[in-house]
């Protein structure tokens, strides 16, 4: 792009590059320099658009949540009144853990970044609310929240202890969903 040309997609490219850096090096490996290198832009552009590392993390969280929301909406459209919710949620969990392992790890790492960065907590809270909101269209809101909490726990256990079996996932969900 010639010098002086406006690049309206640059903030998005920076946010997506931040996601790549977190995927490769974790939240603690995120630097403006690495993001600039991945995005193929000058270092000053990253600090111009995102002054702090927390600003970069927030942008990465927004982009990761946007992608997750698209998938969640597509999944929600597959749920009908006759859907076996245990199987559907198990499908969702197993898909995240098998076909989207790397992305699922990155998403949770970004989500947990709010633990030590309170300014990110509202973004993580918004992320948190999406799954139970979908489930609440099919079950009581308290049950939907319980399922979401259990699914989050399944993800964390998978990160630390390894992949659960589909039978284990379905067994737990069946106890919650009846």
N, C-alpha and C. Protein backbone atom coordinates (compact mmCIF):
# COMPACT_ATOMS: atom_id res chain seq x y z
N UNK A 1 0.86 -1.18 0.00
CA UNK A 1 0.00 0.00 0.00
C UNK A 1 0.90 1.23 0.00
N UNK A 2 0.67 2.19 -0.89
CA UNK A 2 1.51 3.38 -0.97
C UNK A 2 1.45 4.19 0.33
N UNK A 3 2.57 4.87 0.61
CA UNK A 3 2.65 5.69 1.82
C UNK A 3 1.53 6.73 1.80
N UNK A 4 0.91 6.92 2.96
CA UNK A 4 -0.15 7.89 3.09
C UNK A 4 -1.53 7.35 2.76
N UNK A 5 -1.62 6.10 2.29
CA UNK A 5 -2.90 5.49 1.96
C UNK A 5 -3.60 5.07 3.25
N UNK A 6 -4.86 5.36 3.34
CA UNK A 6 -5.63 4.99 4.51
C UNK A 6 -5.86 3.47 4.51
N UNK A 7 -5.70 2.87 5.66
CA UNK A 7 -5.88 1.42 5.80
C UNK A 7 -6.98 1.17 6.85
N UNK A 8 -8.25 1.21 6.42
CA UNK A 8 -9.34 1.10 7.40
C UNK A 8 -9.39 -0.26 8.10
N UNK A 9 -8.78 -1.29 7.52
CA UNK A 9 -8.79 -2.62 8.13
C UNK A 9 -7.65 -2.85 9.11
N UNK A 10 -6.78 -1.87 9.27
CA UNK A 10 -5.60 -2.07 10.11
C UNK A 10 -5.96 -2.43 11.56
N UNK A 11 -6.89 -1.76 12.21
CA UNK A 11 -7.21 -2.16 13.59
C UNK A 11 -7.67 -3.62 13.69
N UNK A 12 -8.45 -4.07 12.72
CA UNK A 12 -8.89 -5.46 12.71
C UNK A 12 -7.71 -6.39 12.49
N UNK A 13 -6.84 -6.05 11.55
CA UNK A 13 -5.65 -6.88 11.31
C UNK A 13 -4.78 -6.97 12.55
N UNK A 14 -4.68 -5.87 13.28
CA UNK A 14 -3.89 -5.87 14.51
C UNK A 14 -4.55 -6.78 15.54
N UNK A 15 -5.85 -6.68 15.69
CA UNK A 15 -6.57 -7.53 16.66
C UNK A 15 -6.42 -9.00 16.31
N UNK A 16 -6.54 -9.33 15.03
CA UNK A 16 -6.38 -10.72 14.60
C UNK A 16 -4.95 -11.20 14.79
N UNK A 17 -3.98 -10.31 14.57
CA UNK A 17 -2.58 -10.66 14.82
C UNK A 17 -2.36 -10.89 16.32
N UNK A 18 -3.01 -10.10 17.15
CA UNK A 18 -2.90 -10.31 18.60
C UNK A 18 -3.43 -11.70 18.97
N UNK A 19 -4.52 -12.12 18.34
CA UNK A 19 -5.04 -13.47 18.56
C UNK A 19 -4.00 -14.52 18.17
N UNK A 20 -3.35 -14.32 17.04
CA UNK A 20 -2.32 -15.27 16.60
C UNK A 20 -1.17 -15.34 17.59
N UNK A 21 -0.75 -14.18 18.09
CA UNK A 21 0.36 -14.15 19.05
C UNK A 21 -0.05 -14.88 20.32
N UNK A 22 -1.26 -14.65 20.81
CA UNK A 22 -1.72 -15.35 22.01
C UNK A 22 -1.78 -16.85 21.76
N UNK A 23 -2.22 -17.24 20.58
CA UNK A 23 -2.28 -18.67 20.25
C UNK A 23 -0.89 -19.29 20.27
N UNK A 24 0.09 -18.56 19.80
CA UNK A 24 1.44 -19.09 19.70
C UNK A 24 2.21 -18.99 21.01
N UNK A 25 2.03 -17.88 21.74
CA UNK A 25 2.89 -17.61 22.90
C UNK A 25 2.14 -17.41 24.21
N UNK A 26 0.82 -17.42 24.17
CA UNK A 26 0.04 -17.19 25.37
C UNK A 26 -0.13 -15.71 25.64
N UNK A 27 -0.99 -15.38 26.60
CA UNK A 27 -1.27 -13.99 26.95
C UNK A 27 0.02 -13.30 27.39
N UNK A 28 0.84 -13.99 28.16
CA UNK A 28 2.07 -13.38 28.67
C UNK A 28 3.09 -13.12 27.57
N UNK A 29 2.94 -13.75 26.41
CA UNK A 29 3.86 -13.55 25.29
C UNK A 29 3.43 -12.44 24.35
N UNK A 30 2.32 -11.77 24.66
CA UNK A 30 1.79 -10.72 23.79
C UNK A 30 2.62 -9.44 23.95
N UNK A 31 3.16 -8.96 22.85
CA UNK A 31 3.86 -7.67 22.84
C UNK A 31 3.44 -6.92 21.58
N UNK A 32 3.56 -5.61 21.63
CA UNK A 32 3.27 -4.80 20.44
C UNK A 32 4.20 -5.20 19.29
N UNK A 33 5.45 -5.45 19.62
CA UNK A 33 6.45 -5.79 18.59
C UNK A 33 6.06 -7.08 17.86
N UNK A 34 5.67 -8.10 18.63
CA UNK A 34 5.27 -9.38 18.00
C UNK A 34 4.01 -9.20 17.16
N UNK A 35 3.06 -8.45 17.68
CA UNK A 35 1.82 -8.22 16.93
C UNK A 35 2.11 -7.48 15.63
N UNK A 36 2.97 -6.47 15.70
CA UNK A 36 3.32 -5.73 14.49
C UNK A 36 3.97 -6.65 13.46
N UNK A 37 4.85 -7.53 13.93
CA UNK A 37 5.51 -8.45 13.01
C UNK A 37 4.51 -9.40 12.35
N UNK A 38 3.60 -9.94 13.13
CA UNK A 38 2.59 -10.86 12.58
C UNK A 38 1.66 -10.13 11.62
N UNK A 39 1.28 -8.91 11.96
CA UNK A 39 0.37 -8.13 11.10
C UNK A 39 1.09 -7.55 9.88
N UNK A 40 2.43 -7.54 9.91
CA UNK A 40 3.18 -6.97 8.80
C UNK A 40 3.04 -5.47 8.70
N UNK A 41 3.03 -4.81 9.84
CA UNK A 41 2.87 -3.35 9.88
C UNK A 41 3.95 -2.75 10.79
N UNK A 42 4.14 -1.45 10.71
CA UNK A 42 5.12 -0.82 11.61
C UNK A 42 4.66 -0.89 13.07
N UNK A 43 5.64 -1.00 13.96
CA UNK A 43 5.35 -1.07 15.40
C UNK A 43 4.48 0.10 15.85
N UNK A 44 4.76 1.29 15.35
CA UNK A 44 3.99 2.47 15.75
C UNK A 44 2.50 2.36 15.46
N UNK A 45 2.14 1.56 14.47
CA UNK A 45 0.71 1.39 14.17
C UNK A 45 -0.01 0.63 15.27
N UNK A 46 0.67 -0.33 15.87
CA UNK A 46 -0.01 -1.09 16.94
C UNK A 46 -0.25 -0.19 18.15
N UNK A 47 0.75 0.61 18.48
CA UNK A 47 0.59 1.48 19.65
C UNK A 47 -0.33 2.66 19.35
N UNK A 48 -0.43 3.05 18.09
CA UNK A 48 -1.36 4.11 17.70
C UNK A 48 -2.80 3.65 17.92
N UNK A 49 -3.11 2.44 17.47
CA UNK A 49 -4.48 1.93 17.57
C UNK A 49 -4.78 1.32 18.94
N UNK A 50 -3.76 0.73 19.57
CA UNK A 50 -3.95 0.06 20.87
C UNK A 50 -2.77 0.44 21.75
N UNK A 51 -2.95 1.47 22.56
CA UNK A 51 -1.85 2.07 23.32
C UNK A 51 -1.21 1.10 24.30
N UNK A 52 -2.01 0.24 24.92
CA UNK A 52 -1.47 -0.66 25.95
C UNK A 52 -1.67 -2.11 25.55
N UNK A 53 -0.99 -3.00 26.25
CA UNK A 53 -1.20 -4.43 26.01
C UNK A 53 -2.61 -4.84 26.39
N UNK A 54 -3.17 -4.21 27.42
CA UNK A 54 -4.55 -4.52 27.78
C UNK A 54 -5.51 -4.10 26.67
N UNK A 55 -5.20 -3.01 25.97
CA UNK A 55 -6.01 -2.61 24.82
C UNK A 55 -5.94 -3.67 23.71
N UNK A 56 -4.73 -4.21 23.49
CA UNK A 56 -4.56 -5.29 22.51
C UNK A 56 -5.34 -6.53 22.94
N UNK A 57 -5.25 -6.86 24.22
CA UNK A 57 -6.01 -8.02 24.72
C UNK A 57 -7.50 -7.82 24.54
N UNK A 58 -7.98 -6.63 24.86
CA UNK A 58 -9.41 -6.34 24.69
C UNK A 58 -9.83 -6.51 23.24
N UNK A 59 -9.01 -6.02 22.31
CA UNK A 59 -9.32 -6.16 20.89
C UNK A 59 -9.34 -7.63 20.48
N UNK A 60 -8.39 -8.40 21.00
CA UNK A 60 -8.34 -9.84 20.70
C UNK A 60 -9.57 -10.54 21.27
N UNK A 61 -9.98 -10.16 22.47
CA UNK A 61 -11.17 -10.76 23.09
C UNK A 61 -12.41 -10.46 22.24
N UNK A 62 -12.55 -9.23 21.80
CA UNK A 62 -13.70 -8.84 20.98
C UNK A 62 -13.74 -9.68 19.70
N UNK A 63 -12.60 -9.85 19.04
CA UNK A 63 -12.57 -10.62 17.80
C UNK A 63 -12.82 -12.10 18.05
N UNK A 64 -12.25 -12.65 19.12
CA UNK A 64 -12.48 -14.05 19.44
C UNK A 64 -13.95 -14.28 19.79
N UNK A 65 -14.53 -13.36 20.55
CA UNK A 65 -15.94 -13.47 20.92
C UNK A 65 -16.82 -13.37 19.68
N UNK A 66 -16.45 -12.49 18.76
CA UNK A 66 -17.23 -12.34 17.52
C UNK A 66 -17.28 -13.68 16.77
N UNK A 67 -16.14 -14.34 16.66
CA UNK A 67 -16.10 -15.63 15.96
C UNK A 67 -16.91 -16.68 16.72
N UNK A 68 -16.78 -16.69 18.04
CA UNK A 68 -17.53 -17.64 18.86
C UNK A 68 -19.03 -17.39 18.73
N UNK A 69 -19.43 -16.13 18.72
CA UNK A 69 -20.85 -15.79 18.60
C UNK A 69 -21.44 -16.29 17.29
N UNK A 70 -20.69 -16.18 16.21
CA UNK A 70 -21.16 -16.65 14.91
C UNK A 70 -21.42 -18.16 14.98
N UNK A 71 -20.46 -18.89 15.55
CA UNK A 71 -20.63 -20.34 15.68
C UNK A 71 -21.79 -20.69 16.60
N UNK A 72 -21.89 -19.98 17.71
CA UNK A 72 -22.95 -20.25 18.66
C UNK A 72 -24.32 -19.98 18.04
N UNK A 73 -24.44 -18.92 17.28
CA UNK A 73 -25.71 -18.62 16.60
C UNK A 73 -26.06 -19.71 15.59
N UNK A 74 -25.06 -20.18 14.86
CA UNK A 74 -25.31 -21.27 13.89
C UNK A 74 -25.75 -22.52 14.63
N UNK A 75 -25.09 -22.84 15.73
CA UNK A 75 -25.46 -24.01 16.53
C UNK A 75 -26.88 -23.84 17.08
N UNK A 76 -27.19 -22.65 17.58
CA UNK A 76 -28.51 -22.38 18.16
C UNK A 76 -29.62 -22.61 17.14
N UNK A 77 -29.35 -22.29 15.87
CA UNK A 77 -30.37 -22.49 14.82
C UNK A 77 -30.65 -23.97 14.57
N UNK A 78 -29.75 -24.85 14.97
CA UNK A 78 -29.97 -26.29 14.78
C UNK A 78 -30.84 -26.88 15.89
N UNK A 79 -31.08 -26.12 16.94
CA UNK A 79 -31.84 -26.62 18.08
C UNK A 79 -33.33 -26.36 17.88
N UNK A 80 -34.10 -27.41 17.89
CA UNK A 80 -35.54 -27.28 17.76
C UNK A 80 -36.23 -27.87 18.97
N UNK A 81 -37.54 -27.86 18.97
CA UNK A 81 -38.29 -28.36 20.12
C UNK A 81 -38.07 -29.86 20.36
N UNK A 82 -37.75 -30.60 19.31
CA UNK A 82 -37.55 -32.04 19.45
C UNK A 82 -36.08 -32.44 19.55
N UNK A 83 -35.21 -31.47 19.65
CA UNK A 83 -33.77 -31.75 19.71
C UNK A 83 -33.42 -32.44 21.03
N UNK A 84 -32.61 -33.46 20.94
CA UNK A 84 -32.04 -34.10 22.12
C UNK A 84 -30.93 -33.17 22.60
N UNK A 85 -31.24 -32.36 23.62
CA UNK A 85 -30.32 -31.33 24.07
C UNK A 85 -29.03 -31.92 24.64
N UNK A 86 -29.11 -33.08 25.27
CA UNK A 86 -27.90 -33.73 25.77
C UNK A 86 -26.94 -34.00 24.62
N UNK A 87 -27.45 -34.59 23.57
CA UNK A 87 -26.60 -34.89 22.40
C UNK A 87 -26.10 -33.62 21.74
N UNK A 88 -26.96 -32.63 21.62
CA UNK A 88 -26.58 -31.38 20.96
C UNK A 88 -25.48 -30.66 21.73
N UNK A 89 -25.61 -30.58 23.04
CA UNK A 89 -24.57 -29.92 23.84
C UNK A 89 -23.30 -30.75 23.82
N UNK A 90 -23.43 -32.07 23.89
CA UNK A 90 -22.25 -32.93 23.80
C UNK A 90 -21.54 -32.73 22.46
N UNK A 91 -22.31 -32.62 21.38
CA UNK A 91 -21.72 -32.33 20.06
C UNK A 91 -20.93 -31.03 20.11
N UNK A 92 -21.53 -30.02 20.71
CA UNK A 92 -20.90 -28.70 20.81
C UNK A 92 -19.58 -28.79 21.58
N UNK A 93 -19.62 -29.48 22.71
CA UNK A 93 -18.41 -29.64 23.55
C UNK A 93 -17.34 -30.42 22.79
N UNK A 94 -17.71 -31.55 22.22
CA UNK A 94 -16.72 -32.39 21.55
C UNK A 94 -16.14 -31.69 20.31
N UNK A 95 -16.96 -30.93 19.62
CA UNK A 95 -16.48 -30.17 18.46
C UNK A 95 -15.42 -29.16 18.91
N UNK A 96 -15.69 -28.45 20.00
CA UNK A 96 -14.74 -27.46 20.51
C UNK A 96 -13.44 -28.12 20.96
N UNK A 97 -13.55 -29.31 21.52
CA UNK A 97 -12.36 -29.98 22.06
C UNK A 97 -11.59 -30.79 21.03
N UNK A 98 -12.23 -31.17 19.95
CA UNK A 98 -11.52 -32.00 18.96
C UNK A 98 -11.15 -31.20 17.72
N UNK A 99 -12.11 -30.54 17.10
CA UNK A 99 -11.85 -29.84 15.84
C UNK A 99 -11.33 -28.42 16.03
N UNK A 100 -11.57 -27.85 17.22
CA UNK A 100 -11.17 -26.46 17.46
C UNK A 100 -10.34 -26.34 18.74
N UNK A 101 -9.52 -27.35 19.02
CA UNK A 101 -8.75 -27.39 20.26
C UNK A 101 -7.92 -26.12 20.45
N UNK A 102 -7.12 -25.76 19.49
CA UNK A 102 -6.25 -24.59 19.61
C UNK A 102 -7.03 -23.32 19.86
N UNK A 103 -8.10 -23.14 19.10
CA UNK A 103 -8.92 -21.95 19.28
C UNK A 103 -9.61 -21.95 20.63
N UNK A 104 -10.07 -23.12 21.07
CA UNK A 104 -10.74 -23.21 22.37
C UNK A 104 -9.78 -22.85 23.49
N UNK A 105 -8.54 -23.32 23.40
CA UNK A 105 -7.52 -22.97 24.41
C UNK A 105 -7.29 -21.47 24.42
N UNK A 106 -7.09 -20.89 23.24
CA UNK A 106 -6.84 -19.44 23.15
C UNK A 106 -8.02 -18.66 23.71
N UNK A 107 -9.23 -19.05 23.35
CA UNK A 107 -10.41 -18.34 23.84
C UNK A 107 -10.48 -18.37 25.36
N UNK A 108 -10.17 -19.51 25.94
CA UNK A 108 -10.22 -19.58 27.41
C UNK A 108 -9.08 -18.80 28.04
N UNK A 109 -7.94 -18.80 27.40
CA UNK A 109 -6.83 -18.01 27.94
C UNK A 109 -7.19 -16.53 27.90
N UNK A 110 -7.78 -16.07 26.81
CA UNK A 110 -8.21 -14.68 26.73
C UNK A 110 -9.30 -14.38 27.76
N UNK A 111 -10.25 -15.29 27.87
CA UNK A 111 -11.33 -15.13 28.84
C UNK A 111 -10.77 -14.98 30.25
N UNK A 112 -9.80 -15.82 30.58
CA UNK A 112 -9.21 -15.79 31.92
C UNK A 112 -8.25 -14.63 32.14
N UNK A 113 -7.88 -13.93 31.08
CA UNK A 113 -7.02 -12.76 31.24
C UNK A 113 -7.68 -11.73 32.15
N UNK A 114 -8.99 -11.74 32.22
CA UNK A 114 -9.72 -10.81 33.08
C UNK A 114 -9.48 -11.09 34.56
N UNK A 115 -8.98 -12.26 34.88
CA UNK A 115 -8.71 -12.60 36.27
C UNK A 115 -7.78 -11.59 36.92
N UNK A 116 -6.75 -11.19 36.22
CA UNK A 116 -5.77 -10.24 36.75
C UNK A 116 -5.87 -8.85 36.11
N UNK A 117 -6.83 -8.70 35.22
CA UNK A 117 -7.02 -7.42 34.53
C UNK A 117 -8.49 -7.04 34.62
N UNK A 118 -8.89 -6.42 35.71
CA UNK A 118 -10.32 -6.12 35.92
C UNK A 118 -10.96 -5.31 34.79
N UNK A 119 -10.18 -4.52 34.07
CA UNK A 119 -10.74 -3.73 32.98
C UNK A 119 -11.25 -4.61 31.84
N UNK A 120 -10.85 -5.88 31.83
CA UNK A 120 -11.33 -6.81 30.81
C UNK A 120 -12.54 -7.63 31.27
N UNK A 121 -12.91 -7.47 32.52
CA UNK A 121 -13.95 -8.36 33.07
C UNK A 121 -15.31 -8.20 32.39
N UNK A 122 -15.67 -7.00 31.98
CA UNK A 122 -16.98 -6.84 31.32
C UNK A 122 -17.00 -7.58 29.98
N UNK A 123 -15.86 -7.58 29.27
CA UNK A 123 -15.80 -8.33 28.01
C UNK A 123 -15.94 -9.83 28.27
N UNK A 124 -15.25 -10.31 29.29
CA UNK A 124 -15.35 -11.73 29.62
C UNK A 124 -16.76 -12.08 30.09
N UNK A 125 -17.40 -11.17 30.82
CA UNK A 125 -18.77 -11.41 31.27
C UNK A 125 -19.72 -11.52 30.08
N UNK A 126 -19.56 -10.65 29.10
CA UNK A 126 -20.40 -10.73 27.89
C UNK A 126 -20.20 -12.07 27.19
N UNK A 127 -18.96 -12.52 27.14
CA UNK A 127 -18.64 -13.80 26.53
C UNK A 127 -19.33 -14.91 27.30
N UNK A 128 -19.29 -14.80 28.61
CA UNK A 128 -19.86 -15.79 29.51
C UNK A 128 -21.37 -15.94 29.34
N UNK A 129 -22.04 -14.86 29.04
CA UNK A 129 -23.50 -14.84 29.00
C UNK A 129 -24.10 -15.48 27.75
N UNK A 130 -23.32 -15.62 26.70
CA UNK A 130 -23.87 -16.05 25.41
C UNK A 130 -24.38 -17.49 25.42
N UNK A 131 -23.61 -18.43 25.92
CA UNK A 131 -24.01 -19.84 25.90
C UNK A 131 -25.26 -20.11 26.75
N UNK A 132 -25.29 -19.64 28.01
CA UNK A 132 -26.53 -19.87 28.77
C UNK A 132 -27.74 -19.15 28.18
N UNK A 133 -27.52 -18.05 27.49
CA UNK A 133 -28.65 -17.36 26.85
C UNK A 133 -29.28 -18.25 25.78
N UNK A 134 -28.44 -18.94 25.01
CA UNK A 134 -28.97 -19.86 24.00
C UNK A 134 -29.69 -21.02 24.68
N UNK A 135 -29.06 -21.59 25.68
CA UNK A 135 -29.68 -22.73 26.38
C UNK A 135 -30.99 -22.35 27.05
N UNK A 136 -31.10 -21.11 27.52
CA UNK A 136 -32.32 -20.64 28.21
C UNK A 136 -33.54 -20.64 27.31
N UNK A 137 -33.32 -20.73 26.00
CA UNK A 137 -34.45 -20.81 25.09
C UNK A 137 -35.06 -22.21 25.08
N UNK A 138 -34.36 -23.17 25.75
CA UNK A 138 -34.79 -24.57 25.72
C UNK A 138 -34.98 -25.18 27.11
N UNK A 139 -34.38 -24.55 28.11
CA UNK A 139 -34.50 -25.05 29.49
C UNK A 139 -34.61 -23.86 30.43
N UNK A 140 -34.94 -24.15 31.65
CA UNK A 140 -35.00 -23.14 32.70
C UNK A 140 -33.66 -22.39 32.78
N UNK A 141 -33.68 -21.06 33.01
CA UNK A 141 -32.44 -20.28 33.06
C UNK A 141 -31.41 -20.78 34.09
N UNK A 142 -31.87 -21.31 35.21
CA UNK A 142 -30.93 -21.83 36.22
C UNK A 142 -30.26 -23.10 35.70
N UNK A 143 -31.03 -23.95 35.04
CA UNK A 143 -30.46 -25.16 34.44
C UNK A 143 -29.49 -24.76 33.33
N UNK A 144 -29.85 -23.77 32.53
CA UNK A 144 -28.96 -23.30 31.45
C UNK A 144 -27.64 -22.81 32.03
N UNK A 145 -27.70 -22.06 33.12
CA UNK A 145 -26.47 -21.59 33.77
C UNK A 145 -25.66 -22.77 34.31
N UNK A 146 -26.33 -23.72 34.92
CA UNK A 146 -25.63 -24.91 35.45
C UNK A 146 -24.92 -25.67 34.33
N UNK A 147 -25.58 -25.84 33.21
CA UNK A 147 -24.97 -26.54 32.07
C UNK A 147 -23.76 -25.75 31.57
N UNK A 148 -23.91 -24.44 31.45
CA UNK A 148 -22.79 -23.61 30.99
C UNK A 148 -21.60 -23.71 31.94
N UNK A 149 -21.86 -23.69 33.23
CA UNK A 149 -20.79 -23.82 34.22
C UNK A 149 -20.10 -25.18 34.11
N UNK A 150 -20.88 -26.21 33.93
CA UNK A 150 -20.32 -27.56 33.79
C UNK A 150 -19.50 -27.67 32.51
N UNK A 151 -20.01 -27.11 31.42
CA UNK A 151 -19.27 -27.14 30.16
C UNK A 151 -17.94 -26.40 30.31
N UNK A 152 -17.97 -25.24 30.94
CA UNK A 152 -16.70 -24.53 31.20
C UNK A 152 -15.74 -25.40 32.00
N UNK A 153 -16.27 -26.08 33.00
CA UNK A 153 -15.44 -26.99 33.79
C UNK A 153 -14.88 -28.13 32.96
N UNK A 154 -15.67 -28.64 32.05
CA UNK A 154 -15.20 -29.70 31.15
C UNK A 154 -14.03 -29.22 30.30
N UNK A 155 -14.15 -27.99 29.80
CA UNK A 155 -13.07 -27.43 29.00
C UNK A 155 -11.79 -27.31 29.83
N UNK A 156 -11.90 -26.74 31.01
CA UNK A 156 -10.72 -26.56 31.85
C UNK A 156 -10.10 -27.90 32.21
N UNK A 157 -10.92 -28.88 32.57
CA UNK A 157 -10.39 -30.21 32.87
C UNK A 157 -9.70 -30.83 31.65
N UNK A 158 -10.27 -30.62 30.48
CA UNK A 158 -9.65 -31.17 29.26
C UNK A 158 -8.28 -30.54 29.02
N UNK A 159 -8.16 -29.24 29.30
CA UNK A 159 -6.87 -28.57 29.11
C UNK A 159 -5.81 -29.16 30.04
N UNK A 160 -6.21 -29.51 31.24
CA UNK A 160 -5.25 -29.98 32.25
C UNK A 160 -5.11 -31.50 32.23
N UNK A 161 -6.21 -32.21 32.13
CA UNK A 161 -6.20 -33.67 32.30
C UNK A 161 -6.37 -34.48 31.01
N UNK A 162 -6.66 -33.80 29.91
CA UNK A 162 -6.86 -34.52 28.66
C UNK A 162 -8.33 -34.62 28.29
N UNK A 163 -8.54 -35.12 27.11
CA UNK A 163 -9.85 -35.18 26.48
C UNK A 163 -10.82 -36.11 27.22
N UNK A 164 -12.03 -35.62 27.51
CA UNK A 164 -13.04 -36.53 28.07
C UNK A 164 -13.61 -37.39 26.94
N UNK A 165 -14.22 -38.48 27.32
CA UNK A 165 -14.92 -39.27 26.31
C UNK A 165 -16.28 -38.64 26.07
N UNK A 166 -16.82 -38.90 24.91
CA UNK A 166 -18.17 -38.40 24.62
C UNK A 166 -19.17 -38.98 25.61
N UNK A 167 -18.99 -40.26 25.97
CA UNK A 167 -19.89 -40.91 26.92
C UNK A 167 -19.86 -40.19 28.27
N UNK A 168 -18.68 -39.79 28.71
CA UNK A 168 -18.57 -39.05 29.98
C UNK A 168 -19.29 -37.71 29.90
N UNK A 169 -19.09 -37.02 28.78
CA UNK A 169 -19.73 -35.72 28.59
C UNK A 169 -21.25 -35.89 28.60
N UNK A 170 -21.74 -36.87 27.86
CA UNK A 170 -23.19 -37.09 27.80
C UNK A 170 -23.75 -37.51 29.16
N UNK A 171 -23.02 -38.33 29.89
CA UNK A 171 -23.48 -38.78 31.20
C UNK A 171 -23.67 -37.59 32.15
N UNK A 172 -22.70 -36.71 32.18
CA UNK A 172 -22.81 -35.53 33.05
C UNK A 172 -23.97 -34.65 32.61
N UNK A 173 -24.05 -34.39 31.31
CA UNK A 173 -25.12 -33.54 30.81
C UNK A 173 -26.50 -34.14 31.03
N UNK A 174 -26.61 -35.45 30.90
CA UNK A 174 -27.89 -36.11 31.11
C UNK A 174 -28.38 -35.92 32.55
N UNK A 175 -27.44 -35.94 33.49
CA UNK A 175 -27.83 -35.71 34.89
C UNK A 175 -28.36 -34.30 35.12
N UNK A 176 -27.84 -33.35 34.35
CA UNK A 176 -28.31 -31.97 34.49
C UNK A 176 -29.59 -31.70 33.69
N UNK A 177 -29.66 -32.29 32.50
CA UNK A 177 -30.76 -31.99 31.60
C UNK A 177 -31.90 -33.00 31.64
N UNK A 178 -31.72 -34.06 32.45
CA UNK A 178 -32.78 -35.03 32.63
C UNK A 178 -32.87 -36.08 31.57
